[in-house]
PDB file of N, CA and C in Angstrom:
ATOM      1  N   MET A   1     -35.543 -30.975   3.784  1.00  0.00           N
ATOM      2  CA  MET A   1     -36.348 -30.807   4.980  1.00  0.00           C
ATOM      3  C   MET A   1     -35.682 -31.413   6.223  1.00  0.00           C
ATOM      4  N   ALA A   2     -34.413 -31.651   6.157  1.00  0.00           N
ATOM      5  CA  ALA A   2     -33.691 -32.220   7.303  1.00  0.00           C
ATOM      6  C   ALA A   2     -33.724 -31.264   8.491  1.00  0.00           C
ATOM      7  N   LEU A   3     -33.712 -29.968   8.212  1.00  0.00           N
ATOM      8  CA  LEU A   3     -33.764 -28.986   9.304  1.00  0.00           C
ATOM      9  C   LEU A   3     -35.092 -29.075  10.045  1.00  0.00           C
ATOM     10  N   ASP A   4     -36.170 -29.262   9.303  1.00  0.00           N
ATOM     11  CA  ASP A   4     -37.484 -29.392   9.944  1.00  0.00           C
ATOM     12  C   ASP A   4     -37.519 -30.575  10.905  1.00  0.00           C
ATOM     13  N   ALA A   5     -36.966 -31.691  10.454  1.00  0.00           N
ATOM     14  CA  ALA A   5     -36.945 -32.890  11.293  1.00  0.00           C
ATOM     15  C   ALA A   5     -36.094 -32.656  12.536  1.00  0.00           C
ATOM     16  N   ARG A   6     -34.970 -31.990  12.356  1.00  0.00           N
ATOM     17  CA  ARG A   6     -34.084 -31.704  13.496  1.00  0.00           C
ATOM     18  C   ARG A   6     -34.783 -30.783  14.493  1.00  0.00           C
ATOM     19  N   ILE A   7     -35.486 -29.782  13.987  1.00  0.00           N
ATOM     20  CA  ILE A   7     -36.212 -28.859  14.861  1.00  0.00           C
ATOM     21  C   ILE A   7     -37.286 -29.605  15.640  1.00  0.00           C
ATOM     22  N   ARG A   8     -38.009 -30.506  14.978  1.00  0.00           N
ATOM     23  CA  ARG A   8     -39.034 -31.298  15.669  1.00  0.00           C
ATOM     24  C   ARG A   8     -38.409 -32.183  16.747  1.00  0.00           C
ATOM     25  N   GLU A   9     -37.280 -32.797  16.420  1.00  0.00           N
ATOM     26  CA  GLU A   9     -36.591 -33.654  17.386  1.00  0.00           C
ATOM     27  C   GLU A   9     -36.152 -32.844  18.614  1.00  0.00           C
ATOM     28  N   LEU A  10     -35.559 -31.691  18.370  1.00  0.00           N
ATOM     29  CA  LEU A  10     -35.118 -30.842  19.472  1.00  0.00           C
ATOM     30  C   LEU A  10     -36.307 -30.332  20.271  1.00  0.00           C
ATOM     31  N   GLY A  11     -37.403 -30.022  19.588  1.00  0.00           N
ATOM     32  CA  GLY A  11     -38.612 -29.577  20.271  1.00  0.00           C
ATOM     33  C   GLY A  11     -39.163 -30.650  21.200  1.00  0.00           C
ATOM     34  N   SER A  12     -39.090 -31.888  20.748  1.00  0.00           N
ATOM     35  CA  SER A  12     -39.538 -33.004  21.574  1.00  0.00           C
ATOM     36  C   SER A  12     -38.652 -33.152  22.809  1.00  0.00           C
ATOM     37  N   ARG A  13     -37.346 -33.050  22.618  1.00  0.00           N
ATOM     38  CA  ARG A  13     -36.424 -33.128  23.756  1.00  0.00           C
ATOM     39  C   ARG A  13     -36.644 -31.958  24.711  1.00  0.00           C
ATOM     40  N   HIS A  14     -36.941 -30.786  24.150  1.00  0.00           N
ATOM     41  CA  HIS A  14     -37.213 -29.592  24.956  1.00  0.00           C
ATOM     42  C   HIS A  14     -38.432 -29.830  25.837  1.00  0.00           C
ATOM     43  N   GLN A  15     -39.480 -30.427  25.261  1.00  0.00           N
ATOM     44  CA  GLN A  15     -40.692 -30.743  26.023  1.00  0.00           C
ATOM     45  C   GLN A  15     -40.403 -31.763  27.117  1.00  0.00           C
ATOM     46  N   SER A  16     -39.588 -32.746  26.807  1.00  0.00           N
ATOM     47  CA  SER A  16     -39.236 -33.769  27.801  1.00  0.00           C
ATOM     48  C   SER A  16     -38.497 -33.141  28.980  1.00  0.00           C
ATOM     49  N   LEU A  17     -37.602 -32.213  28.678  1.00  0.00           N
ATOM     50  CA  LEU A  17     -36.886 -31.526  29.748  1.00  0.00           C
ATOM     51  C   LEU A  17     -37.843 -30.685  30.588  1.00  0.00           C
ATOM     52  N   GLU A  18     -38.792 -30.037  29.945  1.00  0.00           N
ATOM     53  CA  GLU A  18     -39.781 -29.245  30.683  1.00  0.00           C
ATOM     54  C   GLU A  18     -40.558 -30.139  31.641  1.00  0.00           C
ATOM     55  N   GLN A  19     -40.928 -31.325  31.161  1.00  0.00           N
ATOM     56  CA  GLN A  19     -41.655 -32.265  32.022  1.00  0.00           C
ATOM     57  C   GLN A  19     -40.780 -32.718  33.186  1.00  0.00           C
ATOM     58  N   ALA A  20     -39.511 -32.989  32.921  1.00  0.00           N
ATOM     59  CA  ALA A  20     -38.588 -33.403  33.980  1.00  0.00           C
ATOM     60  C   ALA A  20     -38.425 -32.291  35.022  1.00  0.00           C
ATOM     61  N   ILE A  21     -38.376 -31.046  34.562  1.00  0.00           N
ATOM     62  CA  ILE A  21     -38.273 -29.902  35.482  1.00  0.00           C
ATOM     63  C   ILE A  21     -39.519 -29.823  36.351  1.00  0.00           C
ATOM     64  N   GLN A  22     -40.679 -29.944  35.728  1.00  0.00           N
ATOM     65  CA  GLN A  22     -41.928 -29.874  36.482  1.00  0.00           C
ATOM     66  C   GLN A  22     -42.018 -31.015  37.504  1.00  0.00           C
ATOM     67  N   ASP A  23     -41.609 -32.213  37.087  1.00  0.00           N
ATOM     68  CA  ASP A  23     -41.630 -33.359  37.995  1.00  0.00           C
ATOM     69  C   ASP A  23     -40.720 -33.118  39.193  1.00  0.00           C
ATOM     70  N   GLU A  24     -39.527 -32.607  38.924  1.00  0.00           N
ATOM     71  CA  GLU A  24     -38.572 -32.355  40.017  1.00  0.00           C
ATOM     72  C   GLU A  24     -39.102 -31.280  40.962  1.00  0.00           C
ATOM     73  N   MET A  25     -39.747 -30.261  40.419  1.00  0.00           N
ATOM     74  CA  MET A  25     -40.261 -29.168  41.248  1.00  0.00           C
ATOM     75  C   MET A  25     -41.418 -29.636  42.134  1.00  0.00           C
ATOM     76  N   ARG A  26     -42.124 -30.690  41.706  1.00  0.00           N
ATOM     77  CA  ARG A  26     -43.237 -31.198  42.505  1.00  0.00           C
ATOM     78  C   ARG A  26     -42.777 -32.025  43.700  1.00  0.00           C
ATOM     79  N   ARG A  27     -41.535 -32.471  43.643  1.00  0.00           N
ATOM     80  CA  ARG A  27     -41.017 -33.282  44.749  1.00  0.00           C
ATOM     81  C   ARG A  27     -40.900 -32.432  46.010  1.00  0.00           C
ATOM     82  N   PRO A  28     -41.137 -33.025  47.166  1.00  0.00           N
ATOM     83  CA  PRO A  28     -41.047 -32.261  48.419  1.00  0.00           C
ATOM     84  C   PRO A  28     -39.674 -31.620  48.642  1.00  0.00           C
ATOM     85  N   TYR A  29     -38.634 -32.315  48.280  1.00  0.00           N
ATOM     86  CA  TYR A  29     -37.282 -31.774  48.443  1.00  0.00           C
ATOM     87  C   TYR A  29     -36.574 -31.793  47.090  1.00  0.00           C
ATOM     88  N   ALA A  30     -36.949 -30.839  46.260  1.00  0.00           N
ATOM     89  CA  ALA A  30     -36.388 -30.767  44.912  1.00  0.00           C
ATOM     90  C   ALA A  30     -34.876 -30.550  44.980  1.00  0.00           C
ATOM     91  N   ASP A  31     -34.169 -31.189  44.085  1.00  0.00           N
ATOM     92  CA  ASP A  31     -32.719 -31.076  43.993  1.00  0.00           C
ATOM     93  C   ASP A  31     -32.374 -29.844  43.154  1.00  0.00           C
ATOM     94  N   ASP A  32     -31.888 -28.800  43.819  1.00  0.00           N
ATOM     95  CA  ASP A  32     -31.587 -27.545  43.126  1.00  0.00           C
ATOM     96  C   ASP A  32     -30.522 -27.710  42.045  1.00  0.00           C
ATOM     97  N   LEU A  33     -29.527 -28.526  42.311  1.00  0.00           N
ATOM     98  CA  LEU A  33     -28.475 -28.738  41.310  1.00  0.00           C
ATOM     99  C   LEU A  33     -29.035 -29.430  40.071  1.00  0.00           C
ATOM    100  N   LYS A  34     -29.894 -30.401  40.298  1.00  0.00           N
ATOM    101  CA  LYS A  34     -30.518 -31.107  39.177  1.00  0.00           C
ATOM    102  C   LYS A  34     -31.407 -30.157  38.383  1.00  0.00           C
ATOM    103  N   LEU A  35     -32.173 -29.325  39.097  1.00  0.00           N
ATOM    104  CA  LEU A  35     -33.036 -28.355  38.416  1.00  0.00           C
ATOM    105  C   LEU A  35     -32.223 -27.393  37.556  1.00  0.00           C
ATOM    106  N   ARG A  36     -31.124 -26.893  38.108  1.00  0.00           N
ATOM    107  CA  ARG A  36     -30.276 -25.977  37.344  1.00  0.00           C
ATOM    108  C   ARG A  36     -29.727 -26.639  36.095  1.00  0.00           C
ATOM    109  N   ALA A  37     -29.283 -27.881  36.228  1.00  0.00           N
ATOM    110  CA  ALA A  37     -28.738 -28.604  35.078  1.00  0.00           C
ATOM    111  C   ALA A  37     -29.812 -28.824  34.012  1.00  0.00           C
ATOM    112  N   LEU A  38     -31.004 -29.205  34.437  1.00  0.00           N
ATOM    113  CA  LEU A  38     -32.103 -29.413  33.486  1.00  0.00           C
ATOM    114  C   LEU A  38     -32.469 -28.111  32.774  1.00  0.00           C
ATOM    115  N   LYS A  39     -32.530 -27.037  33.527  1.00  0.00           N
ATOM    116  CA  LYS A  39     -32.875 -25.743  32.929  1.00  0.00           C
ATOM    117  C   LYS A  39     -31.806 -25.274  31.950  1.00  0.00           C
ATOM    118  N   ARG A  40     -30.547 -25.548  32.284  1.00  0.00           N
ATOM    119  CA  ARG A  40     -29.446 -25.169  31.396  1.00  0.00           C
ATOM    120  C   ARG A  40     -29.546 -25.947  30.087  1.00  0.00           C
ATOM    121  N   GLN A  41     -29.830 -27.250  30.190  1.00  0.00           N
ATOM    122  CA  GLN A  41     -29.991 -28.079  28.991  1.00  0.00           C
ATOM    123  C   GLN A  41     -31.155 -27.583  28.140  1.00  0.00           C
ATOM    124  N   LYS A  42     -32.239 -27.247  28.804  1.00  0.00           N
ATOM    125  CA  LYS A  42     -33.432 -26.769  28.099  1.00  0.00           C
ATOM    126  C   LYS A  42     -33.130 -25.470  27.361  1.00  0.00           C
ATOM    127  N   LEU A  43     -32.398 -24.576  28.003  1.00  0.00           N
ATOM    128  CA  LEU A  43     -32.040 -23.301  27.372  1.00  0.00           C
ATOM    129  C   LEU A  43     -31.146 -23.536  26.153  1.00  0.00           C
ATOM    130  N   LYS A  44     -30.179 -24.447  26.269  1.00  0.00           N
ATOM    131  CA  LYS A  44     -29.307 -24.737  25.127  1.00  0.00           C
ATOM    132  C   LYS A  44     -30.113 -25.271  23.954  1.00  0.00           C
ATOM    133  N   LEU A  45     -31.076 -26.133  24.234  1.00  0.00           N
ATOM    134  CA  LEU A  45     -31.933 -26.648  23.167  1.00  0.00           C
ATOM    135  C   LEU A  45     -32.742 -25.531  22.525  1.00  0.00           C
ATOM    136  N   LYS A  46     -33.281 -24.648  23.353  1.00  0.00           N
ATOM    137  CA  LYS A  46     -34.071 -23.533  22.833  1.00  0.00           C
ATOM    138  C   LYS A  46     -33.227 -22.669  21.901  1.00  0.00           C
ATOM    139  N   GLU A  47     -32.004 -22.394  22.317  1.00  0.00           N
ATOM    140  CA  GLU A  47     -31.113 -21.578  21.488  1.00  0.00           C
ATOM    141  C   GLU A  47     -30.794 -22.276  20.171  1.00  0.00           C
ATOM    142  N   GLU A  48     -30.580 -23.586  20.230  1.00  0.00           N
ATOM    143  CA  GLU A  48     -30.291 -24.337  19.007  1.00  0.00           C
ATOM    144  C   GLU A  48     -31.500 -24.345  18.077  1.00  0.00           C
ATOM    145  N   ILE A  49     -32.689 -24.511  18.640  1.00  0.00           N
ATOM    146  CA  ILE A  49     -33.920 -24.488  17.839  1.00  0.00           C
ATOM    147  C   ILE A  49     -34.070 -23.134  17.153  1.00  0.00           C
ATOM    148  N   GLU A  50     -33.859 -22.059  17.895  1.00  0.00           N
ATOM    149  CA  GLU A  50     -33.990 -20.718  17.318  1.00  0.00           C
ATOM    150  C   GLU A  50     -32.972 -20.492  16.207  1.00  0.00           C
ATOM    151  N   ALA A  51     -31.747 -20.966  16.382  1.00  0.00           N
ATOM    152  CA  ALA A  51     -30.721 -20.811  15.347  1.00  0.00           C
ATOM    153  C   ALA A  51     -31.107 -21.574  14.080  1.00  0.00           C
ATOM    154  N   LEU A  52     -31.646 -22.778  14.251  1.00  0.00           N
ATOM    155  CA  LEU A  52     -32.066 -23.556  13.086  1.00  0.00           C
ATOM    156  C   LEU A  52     -33.257 -22.902  12.370  1.00  0.00           C
ATOM    157  N   ARG A  53     -34.169 -22.348  13.146  1.00  0.00           N
ATOM    158  CA  ARG A  53     -35.326 -21.662  12.528  1.00  0.00           C
ATOM    159  C   ARG A  53     -34.878 -20.461  11.725  1.00  0.00           C
ATOM    160  N   GLU A  54     -33.850 -19.771  12.195  1.00  0.00           N
ATOM    161  CA  GLU A  54     -33.332 -18.625  11.439  1.00  0.00           C
ATOM    162  C   GLU A  54     -32.754 -19.068  10.117  1.00  0.00           C
ATOM    163  N   LYS A  55     -32.135 -20.257  10.086  1.00  0.00           N
ATOM    164  CA  LYS A  55     -31.569 -20.777   8.841  1.00  0.00           C
ATOM    165  C   LYS A  55     -32.660 -21.081   7.812  1.00  0.00           C
ATOM    166  N   LEU A  56     -33.859 -21.400   8.300  1.00  0.00           N
ATOM    167  CA  LEU A  56     -34.956 -21.718   7.394  1.00  0.00           C
ATOM    168  C   LEU A  56     -35.477 -20.475   6.670  1.00  0.00           C
ATOM    169  N   HIS A  57     -35.280 -19.325   7.288  1.00  0.00           N
ATOM    170  CA  HIS A  57     -35.838 -18.081   6.703  1.00  0.00           C
ATOM    171  C   HIS A  57     -34.818 -17.265   6.014  1.00  0.00           C
TER     172      HIS A  57
END
């Protein structure tokens, strides 16, 4: 069940990145470069989660 634990860990990090994106977007002068970097990280995590889920099936 190591894959399950890894998926949960990545899911938690994915949620944290989503929160960081939302926080940055609420700022009056959001940093576009920071937003892009956060979104890129979030997408990479999503792709990794999906790849691991495919291995489970």
